[in-house]
N, C-alpha and C. Protein backbone atom coordinates (compact mmCIF):
# COMPACT_ATOMS: atom_id res chain seq x y z
N MET A 1 -106.19 30.96 -62.17
CA MET A 1 -105.78 32.31 -62.52
C MET A 1 -106.44 33.33 -61.59
N LEU A 2 -107.71 33.12 -61.30
CA LEU A 2 -108.43 34.06 -60.45
C LEU A 2 -107.88 34.09 -59.04
N SER A 3 -107.51 32.93 -58.51
CA SER A 3 -106.98 32.90 -57.14
C SER A 3 -105.65 33.62 -57.06
N ARG A 4 -104.82 33.52 -58.10
CA ARG A 4 -103.54 34.23 -58.10
C ARG A 4 -103.78 35.73 -58.15
N GLN A 5 -104.79 36.15 -58.90
CA GLN A 5 -105.11 37.57 -58.99
C GLN A 5 -105.58 38.08 -57.63
N ASN A 6 -106.42 37.30 -56.95
CA ASN A 6 -106.89 37.69 -55.63
C ASN A 6 -105.74 37.73 -54.63
N ASP A 7 -104.81 36.78 -54.74
CA ASP A 7 -103.64 36.75 -53.86
C ASP A 7 -102.81 38.01 -54.03
N THR A 8 -102.58 38.44 -55.26
CA THR A 8 -101.80 39.65 -55.53
C THR A 8 -102.52 40.87 -55.00
N ARG A 9 -103.82 40.93 -55.19
CA ARG A 9 -104.60 42.06 -54.66
C ARG A 9 -104.51 42.09 -53.14
N GLN A 10 -104.61 40.94 -52.50
CA GLN A 10 -104.52 40.88 -51.05
C GLN A 10 -103.14 41.31 -50.56
N ARG A 11 -102.08 40.94 -51.28
CA ARG A 11 -100.74 41.39 -50.92
C ARG A 11 -100.63 42.90 -51.02
N ALA A 12 -101.16 43.47 -52.10
CA ALA A 12 -101.11 44.92 -52.28
C ALA A 12 -101.87 45.62 -51.17
N GLU A 13 -103.05 45.13 -50.85
CA GLU A 13 -103.84 45.75 -49.78
C GLU A 13 -103.16 45.61 -48.42
N ALA A 14 -102.50 44.48 -48.19
CA ALA A 14 -101.78 44.28 -46.92
C ALA A 14 -100.63 45.27 -46.79
N GLN A 15 -99.92 45.49 -47.89
CA GLN A 15 -98.81 46.46 -47.87
C GLN A 15 -99.34 47.86 -47.58
N ILE A 16 -100.46 48.21 -48.19
CA ILE A 16 -101.04 49.53 -47.98
C ILE A 16 -101.52 49.68 -46.54
N ARG A 17 -102.10 48.64 -45.98
CA ARG A 17 -102.56 48.70 -44.58
C ARG A 17 -101.40 48.93 -43.62
N ARG A 18 -100.24 48.36 -43.94
CA ARG A 18 -99.07 48.58 -43.07
C ARG A 18 -98.61 50.03 -43.13
N LEU A 19 -98.72 50.67 -44.28
CA LEU A 19 -98.26 52.06 -44.41
C LEU A 19 -99.27 53.07 -43.88
N PHE A 20 -100.54 52.83 -44.13
CA PHE A 20 -101.60 53.75 -43.72
C PHE A 20 -102.43 53.05 -42.65
N ALA A 21 -101.95 53.02 -41.44
CA ALA A 21 -102.56 52.19 -40.40
C ALA A 21 -103.75 52.86 -39.74
N ASP A 22 -104.95 52.47 -40.17
CA ASP A 22 -106.20 52.81 -39.50
C ASP A 22 -107.30 51.90 -40.03
N ASP A 23 -108.54 52.16 -39.61
CA ASP A 23 -109.64 51.24 -39.94
C ASP A 23 -110.03 51.26 -41.42
N THR A 24 -109.99 52.40 -42.04
CA THR A 24 -110.41 52.53 -43.44
C THR A 24 -109.19 52.74 -44.33
N THR A 25 -108.21 51.92 -44.13
CA THR A 25 -106.90 52.11 -44.71
C THR A 25 -106.88 52.24 -46.22
N VAL A 26 -107.46 51.29 -46.93
CA VAL A 26 -107.36 51.30 -48.39
C VAL A 26 -108.08 52.51 -48.97
N ASP A 27 -109.23 52.85 -48.42
CA ASP A 27 -109.95 54.04 -48.90
C ASP A 27 -109.17 55.32 -48.61
N ASN A 28 -108.58 55.41 -47.42
CA ASN A 28 -107.78 56.58 -47.08
C ASN A 28 -106.53 56.67 -47.95
N ALA A 29 -105.92 55.54 -48.23
CA ALA A 29 -104.73 55.53 -49.08
C ALA A 29 -105.10 55.99 -50.49
N ALA A 30 -106.24 55.53 -50.99
CA ALA A 30 -106.68 55.95 -52.33
C ALA A 30 -106.99 57.44 -52.35
N ALA A 31 -107.59 57.95 -51.27
CA ALA A 31 -107.87 59.39 -51.18
C ALA A 31 -106.58 60.19 -51.14
N TRP A 32 -105.59 59.70 -50.38
CA TRP A 32 -104.28 60.36 -50.34
C TRP A 32 -103.65 60.37 -51.73
N ALA A 33 -103.68 59.22 -52.40
CA ALA A 33 -103.08 59.12 -53.74
C ALA A 33 -103.78 60.07 -54.71
N HIS A 34 -105.09 60.14 -54.63
CA HIS A 34 -105.84 61.04 -55.52
C HIS A 34 -105.44 62.48 -55.29
N ALA A 35 -105.36 62.89 -54.02
CA ALA A 35 -104.97 64.27 -53.70
C ALA A 35 -103.53 64.55 -54.13
N GLU A 36 -102.66 63.59 -53.89
CA GLU A 36 -101.24 63.75 -54.25
C GLU A 36 -101.08 63.95 -55.75
N LEU A 37 -101.77 63.14 -56.52
CA LEU A 37 -101.67 63.24 -57.98
C LEU A 37 -102.36 64.49 -58.50
N ALA A 38 -103.47 64.88 -57.88
CA ALA A 38 -104.15 66.11 -58.30
C ALA A 38 -103.26 67.32 -58.04
N ASP A 39 -102.59 67.35 -56.90
CA ASP A 39 -101.68 68.46 -56.59
C ASP A 39 -100.53 68.54 -57.59
N ALA A 40 -100.08 67.39 -58.05
CA ALA A 40 -98.97 67.36 -59.00
C ALA A 40 -99.44 67.53 -60.45
N GLY A 41 -100.75 67.48 -60.66
CA GLY A 41 -101.28 67.61 -62.02
C GLY A 41 -101.02 66.38 -62.88
N ILE A 42 -100.98 65.22 -62.25
CA ILE A 42 -100.71 63.97 -62.96
C ILE A 42 -102.00 63.16 -63.06
N SER A 43 -102.30 62.70 -64.26
CA SER A 43 -103.48 61.87 -64.47
C SER A 43 -103.10 60.40 -64.30
N ALA A 44 -103.78 59.73 -63.37
CA ALA A 44 -103.50 58.31 -63.13
C ALA A 44 -103.88 57.47 -64.34
N SER A 45 -104.90 57.87 -65.06
CA SER A 45 -105.34 57.06 -66.21
C SER A 45 -104.48 57.31 -67.44
N ARG A 46 -103.98 58.52 -67.61
CA ARG A 46 -103.16 58.81 -68.80
C ARG A 46 -101.68 58.53 -68.59
N SER A 47 -101.20 58.67 -67.37
CA SER A 47 -99.78 58.47 -67.07
C SER A 47 -99.60 57.60 -65.83
N PRO A 48 -99.96 56.31 -65.93
CA PRO A 48 -99.90 55.48 -64.72
C PRO A 48 -98.49 55.27 -64.18
N LEU A 49 -97.51 55.16 -65.04
CA LEU A 49 -96.14 54.97 -64.57
C LEU A 49 -95.64 56.21 -63.84
N ARG A 50 -95.88 57.35 -64.42
CA ARG A 50 -95.49 58.62 -63.79
C ARG A 50 -96.21 58.80 -62.46
N ALA A 51 -97.48 58.42 -62.43
CA ALA A 51 -98.27 58.53 -61.20
C ALA A 51 -97.70 57.61 -60.11
N ALA A 52 -97.38 56.38 -60.47
CA ALA A 52 -96.83 55.44 -59.49
C ALA A 52 -95.49 55.93 -58.96
N LYS A 53 -94.66 56.46 -59.83
CA LYS A 53 -93.36 56.99 -59.39
C LYS A 53 -93.55 58.15 -58.42
N ARG A 54 -94.51 59.00 -58.71
CA ARG A 54 -94.78 60.15 -57.83
C ARG A 54 -95.22 59.68 -56.44
N LEU A 55 -96.11 58.69 -56.41
CA LEU A 55 -96.59 58.18 -55.12
C LEU A 55 -95.46 57.54 -54.33
N ARG A 56 -94.63 56.76 -55.00
CA ARG A 56 -93.52 56.10 -54.31
C ARG A 56 -92.50 57.11 -53.80
N ARG A 57 -92.30 58.17 -54.56
CA ARG A 57 -91.34 59.21 -54.15
C ARG A 57 -91.83 59.93 -52.90
N ASN A 58 -93.15 60.09 -52.77
CA ASN A 58 -93.70 60.87 -51.66
C ASN A 58 -94.16 60.03 -50.47
N ARG A 59 -94.06 58.74 -50.59
CA ARG A 59 -94.43 57.88 -49.45
C ARG A 59 -93.40 56.76 -49.34
N SER A 60 -92.44 56.95 -48.46
CA SER A 60 -91.39 55.94 -48.33
C SER A 60 -92.01 54.63 -47.85
N GLY A 61 -91.52 53.55 -48.38
CA GLY A 61 -92.03 52.24 -48.01
C GLY A 61 -93.12 51.72 -48.94
N LEU A 62 -93.65 52.58 -49.80
CA LEU A 62 -94.67 52.14 -50.76
C LEU A 62 -93.99 51.34 -51.86
N THR A 63 -94.42 50.11 -52.02
CA THR A 63 -93.80 49.24 -53.03
C THR A 63 -94.39 49.52 -54.41
N ARG A 64 -93.76 48.94 -55.42
CA ARG A 64 -94.29 49.09 -56.78
C ARG A 64 -95.69 48.50 -56.88
N LEU A 65 -95.88 47.36 -56.23
CA LEU A 65 -97.19 46.71 -56.24
C LEU A 65 -98.24 47.59 -55.57
N GLY A 66 -97.91 48.14 -54.43
CA GLY A 66 -98.84 49.03 -53.72
C GLY A 66 -99.14 50.29 -54.51
N ALA A 67 -98.12 50.86 -55.12
CA ALA A 67 -98.31 52.07 -55.93
C ALA A 67 -99.20 51.78 -57.12
N ARG A 68 -98.97 50.65 -57.76
CA ARG A 68 -99.79 50.30 -58.92
C ARG A 68 -101.24 50.09 -58.50
N TYR A 69 -101.43 49.45 -57.38
CA TYR A 69 -102.79 49.23 -56.88
C TYR A 69 -103.48 50.57 -56.64
N LEU A 70 -102.79 51.51 -56.00
CA LEU A 70 -103.38 52.83 -55.73
C LEU A 70 -103.66 53.60 -57.01
N VAL A 71 -102.75 53.52 -57.98
CA VAL A 71 -102.96 54.20 -59.26
C VAL A 71 -104.20 53.63 -59.94
N ASP A 72 -104.35 52.32 -59.92
CA ASP A 72 -105.53 51.70 -60.51
C ASP A 72 -106.81 52.13 -59.79
N ARG A 73 -106.75 52.24 -58.47
CA ARG A 73 -107.92 52.70 -57.72
C ARG A 73 -108.27 54.14 -58.08
N VAL A 74 -107.24 55.00 -58.17
CA VAL A 74 -107.48 56.41 -58.50
C VAL A 74 -108.02 56.53 -59.92
N ALA A 75 -107.50 55.74 -60.84
CA ALA A 75 -107.94 55.78 -62.22
C ALA A 75 -109.27 55.06 -62.41
N ASP A 76 -109.77 54.44 -61.34
CA ASP A 76 -111.04 53.72 -61.36
C ASP A 76 -111.02 52.57 -62.37
N ARG A 77 -109.88 51.89 -62.39
CA ARG A 77 -109.74 50.73 -63.26
C ARG A 77 -109.90 49.46 -62.44
N ARG A 78 -110.34 48.41 -63.11
CA ARG A 78 -110.43 47.10 -62.46
C ARG A 78 -109.02 46.62 -62.18
N TRP A 79 -108.80 46.10 -61.00
CA TRP A 79 -107.47 45.59 -60.64
C TRP A 79 -107.12 44.41 -61.53
N ARG A 80 -105.89 44.41 -62.04
CA ARG A 80 -105.41 43.31 -62.85
C ARG A 80 -104.06 42.88 -62.30
N ASP A 81 -103.90 41.60 -62.13
CA ASP A 81 -102.65 41.05 -61.62
C ASP A 81 -101.53 41.41 -62.59
N PRO A 82 -100.46 42.06 -62.12
CA PRO A 82 -99.38 42.45 -63.03
C PRO A 82 -98.67 41.25 -63.65
N ARG A 83 -98.84 40.06 -63.08
CA ARG A 83 -98.21 38.87 -63.66
C ARG A 83 -99.10 38.18 -64.68
N ASP A 84 -100.35 38.65 -64.83
CA ASP A 84 -101.30 38.02 -65.73
C ASP A 84 -101.04 38.46 -67.17
N GLU A 85 -100.64 37.54 -68.00
CA GLU A 85 -100.33 37.85 -69.40
C GLU A 85 -101.53 37.62 -70.31
N THR A 86 -102.62 37.05 -69.82
CA THR A 86 -103.73 36.71 -70.70
C THR A 86 -104.45 37.93 -71.24
N TRP A 87 -104.38 39.07 -70.56
CA TRP A 87 -105.06 40.26 -71.06
C TRP A 87 -104.50 40.69 -72.40
N ARG A 88 -103.22 40.45 -72.64
CA ARG A 88 -102.63 40.79 -73.94
C ARG A 88 -103.23 39.95 -75.04
N ASP A 89 -103.51 38.68 -74.75
CA ASP A 89 -104.13 37.81 -75.74
C ASP A 89 -105.51 38.31 -76.11
N ARG A 90 -106.27 38.79 -75.14
CA ARG A 90 -107.61 39.30 -75.42
C ARG A 90 -107.54 40.56 -76.28
N ILE A 91 -106.54 41.40 -76.08
CA ILE A 91 -106.42 42.62 -76.87
C ILE A 91 -106.07 42.28 -78.31
N LEU A 92 -105.22 41.30 -78.51
CA LEU A 92 -104.77 40.95 -79.85
C LEU A 92 -105.81 40.17 -80.66
N MET A 93 -106.83 39.65 -80.01
CA MET A 93 -107.84 38.86 -80.73
C MET A 93 -108.74 39.72 -81.56
């Protein structure tokens, strides 16, 4: 399970590196996302779907996976593989 989560994170980071091409790509992308959401008055932690849609609308080529990764970074949440269903089991316990 952990390797699949790392694989998904690596895919998201690779997509972001292609869009924001420089040495500190992921950090710069997160800074851009934070500024973009702050300008729009959208909270990444309270409205993650709305935040992801806003980022994708303003950066062509940003995938859903990349947008979700950036929203999680801005919201300062631990990255979770979107295909991982086990977190629901932990909540229900």
